[in-house]
Amino acid sequence: MLAAEDTDGRVVVILANSDVPDSVELARHYAEARKVPEANIIALPMPAKETITWRDFVDTIYKPLQAELVQRKWIDAITADEEDELGRVKYAISGHTIAALVVCRGVPLRVANNPAATAAGAAGGGGPFQANNAAVDSELALLAASGYRTAGFLANPLFNVKEPSSLQRAGVVITGRLDGPTPEAARALVDNALKAEHDGLIGRAYVDIGGPHKQGDQWLEETVKQLAPLGYDLAVDRARGTLPASARLDAPALYFGWYAGHINGPFLEKGFRFPPGAIALHIHSFSAATLRRPDAGWTGPFVARGVTATVGNVYEPYLQFTHQPHLLLEALLAGKPLGEAAFYSLAALSWQAILVGDPLYRPFAADVESQWQRRADLPPELVPYLVIRRMRLLAAAGKTDEALAVGQAQLRRDPALPLILAIGRMQLDAAKADAAGSAEKTEAAKRTLGVLSLFQSIRPVDAPMFAEGAALLQEAGETKAGYELFSRLPELPGLSKAVRTGLLKQGPAIAKKALDFTQAARWESEYKELTAPPPPKPPPPPRPDSAPAAVTAPKK
């Protein structure tokens, strides 16, 4: 666990809203968890709303916080006793000793655009880059850079720099936010980070690539390359659009994807939760426009569902100025704490991007071997995923037989669904790679996957895994068994309409392999009914051009 004393003599500063009791309580919880002196909590009176004006930002947050940091000599500065046009005090700053600034829920999220305060000569030369709306945290990252312009963005000197110099570090304060739809969700960001540092990051990895721009897809393809050698059970979706509700999404320790305005697909299914320590990044322009709602954007909803680290944008940043997923992962794998990794992956400051999570969090602090030695102490629902990771690493080293032996030993203790699928897939892959022993290995896969048919009941949340198992059974030559297993899924009690629709889309191909063309046609018909556009509304009745003349009786 990275504690405050492990930051090379630099200090961790915690910012809270003194007018919001939950904000101060969260600050104290973080200080205790990370062994930060309580004196490092700076609680200031400020507005409690998410969006504030530049005037409020400067008067209630930026100016008093900067003054306090200078007074405590955490920012090395000399004041000129003058203010700029925004009311910021002018300092001659030579550096700082702040390892991280932790912003607590209750501190405003974003600063609204103020055209009257827009300075000439903004980066980008005009257009949208003349605006000065911004993330509060992105402005606080420049507390040690006095007098910078607020129109447009500033280049981040830490971007894509593996070993920044002291001069590059001097102008940037690493800033992260503990925030979410509820105080409890924000507090969990701290607790889950500590848990993952102790137990290790356990689960599966997912990358959803089919977005609207080539550059973003390239970033995510690079992310896939970095994930592949780690041993995580990796699922990559390259279809256009986001993951469908029927996609498998169990135990997502790592998720990177794009592109939709609001959280959707399997993330919305009942019972979905991220495992402790999970890192999730969804690229979208307004993914963090609010953190107060569990259904708006992506950043707040991710936190509501138990993520430990995520990023987002409070206003339109433009793609090249969002956090780049492959750079974020690269820095984390190199052992950098979350805050440094986030700033390594971000090209612009005084702009729109934020980090939500403990900036001291190191997700890969516990290596696979130490996790394996302590597997008896892990939560039982996560052990199968650790076993799968060990299997995949052994197989990658050419030790497939040893990998299967490890998996089968665990399977005898606990016939967990993810493990059945992983072993069956590995056996089928081994059969394809070994022509001489193909038949024997295929029979082994049939026996492993055949266990799926013995499950007396299937939970709706597990339907995507059983659908994958049905496809694997058919791949192994058990066409009828795979079809019979799949046939149980569309009619499961409690299955959401979205998941059922996705299953009905998959079903016809599975039924046709089993030569049941009647069922295939029935599923195709049901799918068309569920996805058909609603009938157009009838047009309103025509209105007369003018009211009819009044009828009066003739005079006598």
Protein backbone atom coordinates (compact mmCIF):
# COMPACT_ATOMS: atom_id res chain seq x y z
CA MET A 1 0.00 0.00 0.00
CA LEU A 2 1.32 3.42 -0.96
CA ALA A 3 1.03 5.68 2.07
CA ALA A 4 1.70 9.39 2.26
CA GLU A 5 5.16 8.78 3.69
CA ASP A 6 6.13 6.87 0.52
CA THR A 7 5.99 9.93 -1.74
CA ASP A 8 9.67 10.96 -1.61
CA GLY A 9 9.14 13.72 0.93
CA ARG A 10 6.33 15.31 -1.06
CA VAL A 11 2.98 15.96 0.60
CA VAL A 12 -0.51 14.76 -0.15
CA VAL A 13 -3.10 17.55 0.14
CA ILE A 14 -6.81 16.87 0.55
CA LEU A 15 -9.40 19.47 -0.48
CA ALA A 16 -12.93 19.40 0.96
CA ASN A 17 -15.99 21.65 1.05
CA SER A 18 -16.39 22.82 4.65
CA ASP A 19 -20.08 23.55 4.00
CA VAL A 20 -20.76 19.88 3.12
CA PRO A 21 -20.31 17.51 6.10
CA ASP A 22 -19.99 14.45 3.83
CA SER A 23 -17.11 16.14 2.03
CA VAL A 24 -15.16 16.68 5.24
CA GLU A 25 -15.94 13.16 6.43
CA LEU A 26 -14.65 11.70 3.16
CA ALA A 27 -11.47 13.76 3.49
CA ARG A 28 -10.89 12.37 6.97
CA HIS A 29 -11.55 8.82 5.80
CA TYR A 30 -9.00 9.18 3.02
CA ALA A 31 -6.43 10.74 5.36
CA GLU A 32 -6.78 7.84 7.78
CA ALA A 33 -6.67 5.20 5.03
CA ARG A 34 -3.54 6.61 3.38
CA LYS A 35 -1.90 7.80 6.60
CA VAL A 36 -2.01 11.43 5.52
CA PRO A 37 -1.74 13.88 8.45
CA GLU A 38 -5.16 15.35 9.20
CA ALA A 39 -3.51 18.77 9.09
CA ASN A 40 -3.16 18.24 5.32
CA ILE A 41 -6.93 18.52 4.92
CA ILE A 42 -7.86 21.97 3.63
CA ALA A 43 -11.60 22.53 4.03
CA LEU A 44 -12.91 25.73 2.45
CA PRO A 45 -16.41 27.20 2.25
CA MET A 46 -17.56 27.01 -1.36
CA PRO A 47 -20.71 26.42 -3.43
CA ALA A 48 -22.13 22.90 -3.18
CA LYS A 49 -23.36 22.72 -6.77
CA GLU A 50 -21.44 20.96 -9.55
CA THR A 51 -21.22 23.87 -12.01
CA ILE A 52 -19.99 27.27 -10.86
CA THR A 53 -18.89 30.59 -12.36
CA TRP A 54 -15.31 31.73 -12.79
CA ARG A 55 -15.92 34.34 -10.12
CA ASP A 56 -17.00 31.69 -7.60
CA PHE A 57 -14.18 29.39 -8.62
CA VAL A 58 -11.48 31.99 -8.16
CA ASP A 59 -12.90 33.54 -4.98
CA THR A 60 -13.90 30.39 -3.08
CA ILE A 61 -11.51 27.71 -4.34
CA TYR A 62 -8.51 28.72 -6.42
CA LYS A 63 -7.34 31.85 -4.61
CA PRO A 64 -7.79 30.69 -0.99
CA LEU A 65 -6.35 27.23 -1.72
CA GLN A 66 -3.33 28.66 -3.50
CA ALA A 67 -2.75 31.13 -0.66
CA GLU A 68 -2.85 28.30 1.88
CA LEU A 69 -0.42 26.17 -0.12
CA VAL A 70 1.97 29.12 -0.43
CA GLN A 71 1.63 29.93 3.27
CA ARG A 72 2.52 26.33 4.18
CA LYS A 73 5.45 26.48 1.73
CA TRP A 74 4.09 23.54 -0.28
CA ILE A 75 4.19 25.93 -3.22
CA ASP A 76 7.44 27.90 -3.35
CA ALA A 77 6.34 31.39 -4.35
CA ILE A 78 6.73 35.11 -3.81
CA THR A 79 3.64 37.26 -4.08
CA ALA A 80 3.53 40.47 -6.07
CA ASP A 81 0.51 41.70 -4.06
CA GLU A 82 -1.38 42.21 -7.32
CA GLU A 83 -4.31 40.44 -8.97
CA ASP A 84 -4.98 39.66 -12.61
CA GLU A 85 -8.24 40.37 -14.43
CA LEU A 86 -9.83 37.22 -12.94
CA GLY A 87 -8.91 38.15 -9.39
CA ARG A 88 -6.08 35.61 -9.10
CA VAL A 89 -3.12 36.73 -7.03
CA LYS A 90 0.07 37.16 -9.04
CA TYR A 91 2.93 35.00 -7.77
CA ALA A 92 6.47 34.29 -8.87
CA ILE A 93 6.46 30.49 -8.46
CA SER A 94 9.55 28.28 -8.56
CA GLY A 95 8.03 24.88 -7.79
CA HIS A 96 6.06 22.80 -5.30
CA THR A 97 6.34 19.72 -3.08
CA ILE A 98 2.83 18.30 -3.61
CA ALA A 99 2.70 14.61 -4.56
CA ALA A 100 -1.05 14.70 -5.13
CA LEU A 101 -4.09 16.89 -4.56
CA VAL A 102 -7.13 14.80 -3.62
CA VAL A 103 -10.44 16.57 -4.31
CA CYS A 104 -13.40 15.28 -2.29
CA ARG A 105 -17.06 15.00 -3.25
CA GLY A 106 -18.75 18.33 -2.49
CA VAL A 107 -16.11 20.40 -4.26
CA PRO A 108 -17.65 21.75 -7.52
CA LEU A 109 -16.96 19.77 -10.67
CA ARG A 110 -16.77 22.29 -13.51
CA VAL A 111 -16.51 25.98 -14.35
CA ALA A 112 -18.99 27.46 -16.83
CA ASN A 113 -17.81 29.43 -19.83
CA ASN A 114 -17.54 33.18 -19.30
CA PRO A 115 -17.13 34.97 -22.65
CA ALA A 116 -16.33 38.25 -20.90
CA ALA A 117 -13.27 36.66 -19.28
CA THR A 118 -11.97 35.05 -22.47
CA ALA A 119 -8.46 36.23 -23.19
CA ALA A 120 -7.10 36.83 -26.66
CA GLY A 121 -4.59 34.43 -28.15
CA ALA A 122 -6.06 31.17 -26.94
CA ALA A 123 -4.52 27.89 -28.00
CA GLY A 124 -5.94 26.65 -31.27
CA GLY A 125 -6.45 30.11 -32.69
CA GLY A 126 -10.19 30.49 -32.20
CA GLY A 127 -13.48 28.67 -32.47
CA PRO A 128 -14.21 26.21 -29.66
CA PHE A 129 -10.71 26.71 -28.28
CA GLN A 130 -11.56 30.28 -27.30
CA ALA A 131 -13.94 29.01 -24.62
CA ASN A 132 -12.88 28.97 -20.98
CA ASN A 133 -15.29 26.39 -19.60
CA ALA A 134 -13.24 23.74 -17.83
CA ALA A 135 -12.99 21.05 -15.20
CA VAL A 136 -12.28 22.40 -11.72
CA ASP A 137 -9.64 19.70 -11.24
CA SER A 138 -7.88 20.62 -14.49
CA GLU A 139 -7.56 24.21 -13.28
CA LEU A 140 -6.35 23.07 -9.85
CA ALA A 141 -3.60 21.09 -11.57
CA LEU A 142 -2.15 24.51 -12.48
CA LEU A 143 -2.04 25.95 -8.95
CA ALA A 144 1.75 26.15 -9.32
CA ALA A 145 1.57 27.96 -12.69
CA SER A 146 0.62 31.52 -11.86
CA GLY A 147 -1.06 33.81 -14.38
CA TYR A 148 -1.82 31.30 -17.14
CA ARG A 149 -4.52 32.15 -19.66
CA THR A 150 -7.93 30.52 -19.20
CA ALA A 151 -9.18 30.58 -22.80
CA GLY A 152 -8.58 27.29 -24.55
CA PHE A 153 -6.16 24.70 -23.15
CA LEU A 154 -2.53 24.54 -22.09
CA ALA A 155 -0.17 21.76 -23.18
CA ASN A 156 0.49 19.29 -20.36
CA PRO A 157 4.29 19.09 -19.84
CA LEU A 158 3.90 15.59 -18.33
CA PHE A 159 2.11 14.14 -21.37
CA ASN A 160 3.82 11.02 -22.75
CA VAL A 161 7.01 11.80 -20.81
CA LYS A 162 8.23 8.64 -19.08
CA GLU A 163 10.67 10.33 -16.71
CA PRO A 164 9.72 14.02 -16.38
CA SER A 165 12.37 16.43 -15.21
CA SER A 166 12.00 18.49 -12.06
CA LEU A 167 11.23 21.49 -14.25
CA GLN A 168 8.40 19.65 -16.00
CA ARG A 169 6.97 18.50 -12.67
CA ALA A 170 7.25 21.97 -11.15
CA GLY A 171 4.32 23.43 -13.07
CA VAL A 172 1.78 20.63 -12.56
CA VAL A 173 -0.02 19.41 -9.44
CA ILE A 174 -1.24 15.81 -9.88
CA THR A 175 -4.97 15.99 -9.09
CA GLY A 176 -7.56 13.25 -8.59
CA ARG A 177 -11.14 13.29 -7.38
CA LEU A 178 -13.10 11.10 -4.96
CA ASP A 179 -16.65 11.63 -6.19
CA GLY A 180 -19.75 9.85 -7.37
CA PRO A 181 -23.53 9.71 -7.19
CA THR A 182 -23.53 9.02 -3.43
CA PRO A 183 -21.13 9.62 -0.53
CA GLU A 184 -20.93 5.84 -0.07
CA ALA A 185 -19.85 5.32 -3.68
CA ALA A 186 -17.15 7.98 -3.32
CA ARG A 187 -15.88 6.38 -0.12
CA ALA A 188 -15.71 2.99 -1.85
CA LEU A 189 -13.16 4.43 -4.29
CA VAL A 190 -10.73 4.56 -1.39
CA ASP A 191 -11.59 1.21 0.18
CA ASN A 192 -11.51 -0.73 -3.09
CA ALA A 193 -8.15 0.74 -4.05
CA LEU A 194 -6.64 -0.46 -0.77
CA LYS A 195 -8.25 -3.87 -1.17
CA ALA A 196 -6.90 -4.30 -4.69
CA GLU A 197 -3.41 -3.21 -3.68
CA HIS A 198 -3.46 -5.94 -1.03
CA ASP A 199 -5.19 -8.75 -2.98
CA GLY A 200 -4.19 -7.79 -6.52
CA LEU A 201 -6.36 -6.86 -9.48
CA ILE A 202 -8.44 -9.95 -10.33
CA GLY A 203 -11.03 -10.49 -13.06
CA ARG A 204 -11.31 -10.32 -16.85
CA ALA A 205 -10.29 -7.68 -19.40
CA TYR A 206 -12.58 -6.18 -22.05
CA VAL A 207 -11.86 -3.86 -24.97
CA ASP A 208 -14.72 -2.48 -27.09
CA ILE A 209 -13.19 -0.97 -30.22
CA GLY A 210 -15.72 -0.10 -32.94
CA GLY A 211 -15.90 3.67 -32.53
CA PRO A 212 -16.47 6.60 -34.89
CA HIS A 213 -12.85 7.70 -35.45
CA LYS A 214 -9.75 5.84 -36.59
CA GLN A 215 -7.50 7.42 -33.96
CA GLY A 216 -9.56 6.16 -31.03
CA ASP A 217 -9.69 2.65 -32.51
CA GLN A 218 -5.90 2.73 -32.88
CA TRP A 219 -5.50 3.65 -29.22
CA LEU A 220 -7.68 0.72 -28.22
CA GLU A 221 -5.83 -1.69 -30.51
CA GLU A 222 -2.63 -0.67 -28.74
CA THR A 223 -4.39 -1.33 -25.44
CA VAL A 224 -5.22 -4.87 -26.62
CA LYS A 225 -1.54 -5.47 -27.39
CA GLN A 226 -0.58 -4.39 -23.87
CA LEU A 227 -3.25 -6.54 -22.22
CA ALA A 228 -2.51 -9.73 -24.17
CA PRO A 229 0.67 -10.79 -22.33
CA LEU A 230 -0.80 -10.10 -18.86
CA GLY A 231 -2.75 -13.35 -18.78
CA TYR A 232 -6.17 -11.86 -18.12
CA ASP A 233 -9.04 -13.62 -19.87
CA LEU A 234 -9.39 -11.03 -22.63
CA ALA A 235 -12.51 -10.28 -24.68
CA VAL A 236 -12.21 -7.91 -27.65
CA ASP A 237 -15.25 -6.63 -29.55
CA ARG A 238 -14.54 -4.89 -32.86
CA ALA A 239 -18.14 -4.57 -34.04
CA ARG A 240 -19.55 -1.08 -34.57
CA GLY A 241 -21.43 0.27 -31.59
CA THR A 242 -21.05 -0.54 -27.92
CA LEU A 243 -21.37 -3.95 -26.29
CA PRO A 244 -24.88 -5.41 -26.58
CA ALA A 245 -26.76 -6.20 -23.39
CA SER A 246 -26.31 -9.94 -24.05
CA ALA A 247 -22.51 -9.67 -24.19
CA ARG A 248 -20.50 -11.41 -21.51
CA LEU A 249 -19.27 -8.90 -18.92
CA ASP A 250 -18.51 -10.84 -15.74
CA ALA A 251 -15.81 -9.53 -13.37
CA PRO A 252 -14.49 -6.66 -15.54
CA ALA A 253 -11.25 -5.77 -13.78
CA LEU A 254 -10.19 -3.82 -16.87
CA TYR A 255 -12.52 -2.19 -19.39
CA PHE A 256 -11.63 0.17 -22.23
CA GLY A 257 -14.14 1.16 -24.88
CA TRP A 258 -16.25 3.67 -26.75
CA TYR A 259 -18.54 5.39 -28.03
CA ALA A 260 -21.97 6.27 -26.62
CA GLY A 261 -23.39 9.22 -24.71
CA HIS A 262 -24.64 7.28 -21.69
CA ILE A 263 -23.91 3.99 -19.99
CA ASN A 264 -25.67 1.13 -21.75
CA GLY A 265 -25.57 -2.55 -22.63
CA PRO A 266 -24.54 -5.15 -20.03
CA PHE A 267 -23.49 -2.44 -17.56
CA LEU A 268 -27.19 -1.74 -16.97
CA GLU A 269 -28.16 -5.32 -16.17
CA LYS A 270 -29.48 -6.04 -12.70
CA GLY A 271 -26.77 -7.12 -10.32
CA PHE A 272 -23.84 -5.86 -12.40
CA ARG A 273 -20.85 -4.76 -10.28
CA PHE A 274 -17.19 -4.14 -10.93
CA PRO A 275 -14.73 -6.22 -8.86
CA PRO A 276 -12.52 -4.40 -6.32
CA GLY A 277 -9.78 -2.36 -7.98
CA ALA A 278 -11.44 -2.25 -11.41
CA ILE A 279 -10.24 0.32 -13.95
CA ALA A 280 -12.73 1.46 -16.58
CA LEU A 281 -12.40 4.04 -19.35
CA HIS A 282 -15.12 4.89 -21.84
CA ILE A 283 -14.26 7.59 -24.35
CA HIS A 284 -17.04 10.12 -24.81
CA SER A 285 -17.13 13.90 -25.02
CA PHE A 286 -19.43 14.48 -22.03
CA SER A 287 -18.84 11.32 -20.02
CA ALA A 288 -18.50 13.29 -16.76
CA ALA A 289 -20.82 16.27 -17.31
CA THR A 290 -22.33 15.27 -13.96
CA LEU A 291 -21.20 12.79 -11.32
CA ARG A 292 -24.44 12.92 -9.35
CA ARG A 293 -26.54 10.56 -11.46
CA PRO A 294 -26.06 6.78 -11.79
CA ASP A 295 -27.50 6.80 -15.32
CA ALA A 296 -26.01 9.91 -17.01
CA GLY A 297 -22.76 9.74 -18.94
CA TRP A 298 -20.25 7.06 -17.93
CA THR A 299 -18.01 8.28 -15.13
CA GLY A 300 -20.65 8.68 -12.42
CA PRO A 301 -22.47 5.47 -13.41
CA PHE A 302 -19.19 3.55 -13.32
CA VAL A 303 -18.57 4.77 -9.76
CA ALA A 304 -22.13 3.86 -8.78
CA ARG A 305 -21.41 0.30 -9.94
CA GLY A 306 -18.22 -0.09 -7.93
CA VAL A 307 -15.39 0.97 -10.24
CA THR A 308 -12.17 1.98 -8.46
CA ALA A 309 -10.59 4.19 -11.12
CA THR A 310 -12.05 5.98 -14.13
CA VAL A 311 -11.77 9.19 -16.13
CA GLY A 312 -14.16 11.49 -17.95
CA ASN A 313 -14.81 14.86 -19.56
CA VAL A 314 -17.01 17.60 -18.13
CA TYR A 315 -17.39 19.44 -21.46
CA GLU A 316 -16.41 18.68 -25.07
CA PRO A 317 -12.61 18.09 -25.05
CA TYR A 318 -12.11 16.80 -28.64
CA LEU A 319 -10.67 13.33 -29.00
CA GLN A 320 -6.95 14.13 -28.94
CA PHE A 321 -7.36 15.90 -25.58
CA THR A 322 -9.02 13.03 -23.71
CA HIS A 323 -7.14 10.46 -21.62
CA GLN A 324 -5.50 8.02 -24.02
CA PRO A 325 -6.20 4.46 -22.81
CA HIS A 326 -3.02 2.82 -24.07
CA LEU A 327 -0.85 5.44 -22.36
CA LEU A 328 -2.81 5.16 -19.12
CA LEU A 329 -2.35 1.38 -19.08
CA GLU A 330 1.30 1.64 -20.08
CA ALA A 331 2.09 3.86 -17.10
CA LEU A 332 0.11 1.73 -14.64
CA LEU A 333 1.92 -1.41 -15.81
CA ALA A 334 5.21 0.42 -15.29
CA GLY A 335 4.27 0.82 -11.62
CA LYS A 336 3.19 4.45 -11.69
CA PRO A 337 0.41 5.45 -9.28
CA LEU A 338 -2.94 6.27 -10.84
CA GLY A 339 -2.50 10.05 -10.67
CA GLU A 340 0.81 10.05 -12.51
CA ALA A 341 -0.52 7.57 -15.06
CA ALA A 342 -3.55 9.76 -15.73
CA PHE A 343 -1.43 12.85 -16.36
CA TYR A 344 0.99 10.85 -18.50
CA SER A 345 -1.95 9.94 -20.76
CA LEU A 346 -3.47 13.45 -21.06
CA ALA A 347 -2.30 16.10 -23.55
CA ALA A 348 -4.14 19.19 -22.24
CA LEU A 349 -4.67 21.02 -18.94
CA SER A 350 -6.98 23.92 -18.08
CA TRP A 351 -9.43 21.87 -20.11
CA GLN A 352 -12.14 19.23 -19.66
CA ALA A 353 -10.71 15.90 -18.46
CA ILE A 354 -10.83 14.61 -14.89
CA LEU A 355 -9.52 11.60 -12.98
CA VAL A 356 -11.92 9.91 -10.56
CA GLY A 357 -10.17 7.65 -8.09
CA ASP A 358 -7.37 7.66 -5.54
CA PRO A 359 -4.33 9.22 -7.26
CA LEU A 360 -2.03 7.07 -5.09
CA TYR A 361 -3.66 3.80 -6.24
CA ARG A 362 -1.30 1.20 -7.74
CA PRO A 363 -3.46 -1.53 -9.29
CA PHE A 364 -0.57 -3.85 -10.10
CA ALA A 365 1.20 -3.59 -6.74
CA ALA A 366 0.58 -7.31 -6.07
CA ASP A 367 2.04 -9.57 -8.74
CA VAL A 368 0.46 -12.82 -9.92
CA GLU A 369 2.80 -15.03 -7.90
CA SER A 370 2.02 -13.30 -4.62
CA GLN A 371 -1.69 -13.49 -5.44
CA TRP A 372 -1.36 -17.20 -6.11
CA GLN A 373 0.38 -17.83 -2.81
CA ARG A 374 -2.46 -16.10 -0.95
CA ARG A 375 -5.36 -17.44 -3.02
CA ALA A 376 -6.91 -19.18 -0.02
CA ASP A 377 -7.55 -15.74 1.50
CA LEU A 378 -9.25 -14.27 -1.57
CA PRO A 379 -13.02 -13.89 -2.02
CA PRO A 380 -14.24 -17.25 -3.41
CA GLU A 381 -15.98 -15.63 -6.39
CA LEU A 382 -12.65 -14.17 -7.60
CA VAL A 383 -10.49 -17.29 -7.21
CA PRO A 384 -11.58 -18.82 -10.57
CA TYR A 385 -10.39 -15.71 -12.40
CA LEU A 386 -6.99 -15.91 -10.73
CA VAL A 387 -6.77 -19.58 -11.69
CA ILE A 388 -7.65 -18.69 -15.28
CA ARG A 389 -4.95 -16.04 -15.37
CA ARG A 390 -2.37 -18.49 -14.08
CA MET A 391 -3.51 -21.04 -16.68
CA ARG A 392 -3.17 -18.54 -19.51
CA LEU A 393 0.32 -17.49 -18.40
CA LEU A 394 1.43 -21.13 -18.23
CA ALA A 395 -0.05 -21.83 -21.66
CA ALA A 396 1.70 -18.77 -23.11
CA ALA A 397 4.97 -20.22 -21.76
CA GLY A 398 4.33 -23.48 -23.63
CA LYS A 399 3.07 -25.38 -20.58
CA THR A 400 -0.48 -26.14 -21.68
CA ASP A 401 -0.68 -29.52 -19.93
CA GLU A 402 0.40 -27.93 -16.63
CA ALA A 403 -2.10 -25.11 -17.20
CA LEU A 404 -4.96 -27.57 -17.70
CA ALA A 405 -3.90 -29.54 -14.63
CA VAL A 406 -4.06 -26.35 -12.54
CA GLY A 407 -7.52 -25.55 -13.88
CA GLN A 408 -8.90 -29.05 -13.42
CA ALA A 409 -7.62 -29.24 -9.86
CA GLN A 410 -9.55 -26.07 -9.03
CA LEU A 411 -12.58 -27.31 -10.98
CA ARG A 412 -12.82 -30.38 -8.75
CA ARG A 413 -12.99 -28.06 -5.74
CA ASP A 414 -15.36 -25.54 -7.29
CA PRO A 415 -17.08 -26.10 -10.67
CA ALA A 416 -17.27 -22.36 -11.34
CA LEU A 417 -18.83 -21.34 -14.63
CA PRO A 418 -15.98 -19.03 -15.84
CA LEU A 419 -13.46 -21.81 -15.17
CA ILE A 420 -15.47 -24.41 -17.11
CA LEU A 421 -15.49 -22.09 -20.11
CA ALA A 422 -11.79 -21.28 -19.85
CA ILE A 423 -10.72 -24.92 -19.58
CA GLY A 424 -13.02 -25.98 -22.43
CA ARG A 425 -11.67 -23.22 -24.67
CA MET A 426 -8.06 -24.12 -23.84
CA GLN A 427 -8.71 -27.80 -24.58
CA LEU A 428 -10.25 -26.95 -27.95
CA ASP A 429 -7.33 -24.67 -28.81
CA ALA A 430 -4.92 -27.45 -27.84
CA ALA A 431 -6.80 -29.88 -30.10
CA LYS A 432 -6.42 -27.53 -33.07
CA ALA A 433 -2.69 -27.15 -32.40
CA ASP A 434 -2.00 -30.89 -32.05
CA ALA A 435 -3.17 -32.90 -35.03
CA ALA A 436 -1.98 -36.19 -33.53
CA GLY A 437 -3.78 -35.72 -30.24
CA SER A 438 -6.72 -33.73 -31.58
CA ALA A 439 -9.39 -36.38 -30.99
CA GLU A 440 -8.33 -37.00 -27.39
CA LYS A 441 -8.21 -33.31 -26.55
CA THR A 442 -11.57 -32.67 -28.20
CA GLU A 443 -13.12 -35.45 -26.12
CA ALA A 444 -11.65 -33.83 -23.02
CA ALA A 445 -13.27 -30.53 -24.02
CA LYS A 446 -16.62 -32.29 -24.49
CA ARG A 447 -16.42 -33.73 -20.99
CA THR A 448 -15.51 -30.37 -19.47
CA LEU A 449 -18.18 -28.40 -21.29
CA GLY A 450 -20.76 -31.14 -20.74
CA VAL A 451 -20.87 -30.09 -17.09
CA LEU A 452 -22.85 -27.04 -18.20
CA SER A 453 -25.84 -29.24 -19.04
CA LEU A 454 -25.93 -30.46 -15.44
CA PHE A 455 -26.78 -27.04 -14.00
CA GLN A 456 -30.34 -27.36 -12.70
CA SER A 457 -30.94 -23.61 -12.66
CA ILE A 458 -29.44 -20.66 -14.52
CA ARG A 459 -29.33 -17.14 -13.15
CA PRO A 460 -30.27 -14.43 -15.66
CA VAL A 461 -26.95 -12.70 -15.00
CA ASP A 462 -25.14 -15.86 -16.16
CA ALA A 463 -27.06 -16.23 -19.44
CA PRO A 464 -24.24 -14.71 -21.57
CA MET A 465 -21.75 -17.23 -20.16
CA PHE A 466 -24.09 -20.15 -20.85
CA ALA A 467 -24.58 -18.83 -24.39
CA GLU A 468 -20.81 -18.88 -24.83
CA GLY A 469 -20.74 -22.41 -23.43
CA ALA A 470 -23.41 -23.52 -25.89
CA ALA A 471 -21.32 -22.20 -28.78
CA LEU A 472 -18.23 -24.00 -27.45
CA LEU A 473 -20.16 -27.26 -27.17
CA GLN A 474 -21.15 -27.00 -30.81
CA GLU A 475 -17.57 -26.17 -31.75
CA ALA A 476 -16.51 -29.36 -29.94
CA GLY A 477 -18.95 -31.37 -32.03
CA GLU A 478 -21.73 -31.60 -29.44
CA THR A 479 -24.20 -29.84 -31.73
CA LYS A 480 -27.37 -31.11 -30.08
CA ALA A 481 -26.12 -30.56 -26.51
CA GLY A 482 -25.12 -27.00 -27.34
CA TYR A 483 -28.49 -26.31 -28.91
CA GLU A 484 -30.40 -27.79 -25.96
CA LEU A 485 -28.38 -25.74 -23.50
CA PHE A 486 -28.97 -22.54 -25.46
CA SER A 487 -32.70 -23.26 -25.78
CA ARG A 488 -33.09 -22.80 -22.03
CA LEU A 489 -31.82 -19.24 -22.11
CA PRO A 490 -34.36 -17.03 -23.95
CA GLU A 491 -37.16 -18.09 -21.62
CA LEU A 492 -35.33 -17.65 -18.32
CA PRO A 493 -37.51 -15.95 -15.68
CA GLY A 494 -36.24 -12.46 -14.87
CA LEU A 495 -34.29 -12.07 -18.12
CA SER A 496 -34.32 -8.48 -19.31
CA LYS A 497 -35.82 -7.62 -22.68
CA ALA A 498 -32.45 -6.34 -23.90
CA VAL A 499 -30.62 -9.57 -23.05
CA ARG A 500 -33.42 -11.71 -24.49
CA THR A 501 -33.28 -9.72 -27.71
CA GLY A 502 -29.54 -10.33 -27.98
CA LEU A 503 -29.98 -14.05 -27.35
CA LEU A 504 -32.70 -14.29 -29.99
CA LYS A 505 -30.28 -12.74 -32.46
CA GLN A 506 -27.71 -15.46 -31.71
CA GLY A 507 -30.21 -18.32 -31.54
CA PRO A 508 -31.03 -19.06 -35.21
CA ALA A 509 -27.43 -19.95 -36.10
CA ILE A 510 -27.25 -22.37 -33.16
CA ALA A 511 -30.63 -23.94 -34.03
CA LYS A 512 -29.69 -24.37 -37.69
CA LYS A 513 -26.51 -26.23 -36.76
CA ALA A 514 -28.76 -28.67 -34.89
CA LEU A 515 -31.03 -28.84 -37.97
CA ASP A 516 -34.01 -27.40 -36.09
CA PHE A 517 -35.08 -24.93 -38.76
CA THR A 518 -38.51 -24.50 -37.21
CA GLN A 519 -37.04 -23.13 -33.99
CA ALA A 520 -34.60 -21.00 -35.97
CA ALA A 521 -37.50 -19.42 -37.85
CA ARG A 522 -39.42 -18.88 -34.62
CA TRP A 523 -36.47 -17.10 -32.97
CA GLU A 524 -35.91 -14.98 -36.09
CA SER A 525 -39.57 -13.94 -36.02
CA GLU A 526 -39.44 -13.05 -32.31
CA TYR A 527 -36.27 -11.04 -32.82
CA LYS A 528 -37.87 -9.05 -35.65
CA GLU A 529 -40.91 -8.33 -33.48
CA LEU A 530 -38.76 -7.09 -30.59
CA THR A 531 -36.58 -4.88 -32.77
CA ALA A 532 -39.24 -3.55 -35.14
CA PRO A 533 -39.67 0.22 -34.99
CA PRO A 534 -42.89 1.35 -33.32
CA PRO A 535 -45.73 2.10 -35.72
CA PRO A 536 -46.01 5.76 -36.69
CA LYS A 537 -48.45 7.81 -34.68
CA PRO A 538 -51.64 8.68 -36.53
CA PRO A 539 -51.74 12.30 -37.70
CA PRO A 540 -53.83 14.66 -35.59
CA PRO A 541 -57.25 15.53 -36.94
CA PRO A 542 -57.21 18.57 -39.23
CA ARG A 543 -58.03 21.88 -37.66
CA PRO A 544 -60.44 24.23 -39.45
CA ASP A 545 -58.89 27.39 -40.83
CA SER A 546 -61.35 29.56 -38.94
CA ALA A 547 -64.20 29.13 -36.52
CA PRO A 548 -67.68 28.84 -38.15
CA ALA A 549 -69.82 31.95 -38.14
CA ALA A 550 -72.40 32.13 -35.38
CA VAL A 551 -75.91 31.22 -36.44
CA THR A 552 -78.51 33.74 -35.36
CA ALA A 553 -82.23 33.83 -35.85
CA PRO A 554 -83.49 36.32 -38.46
CA LYS A 555 -85.10 39.48 -37.24
CA LYS A 556 -88.83 39.72 -37.52
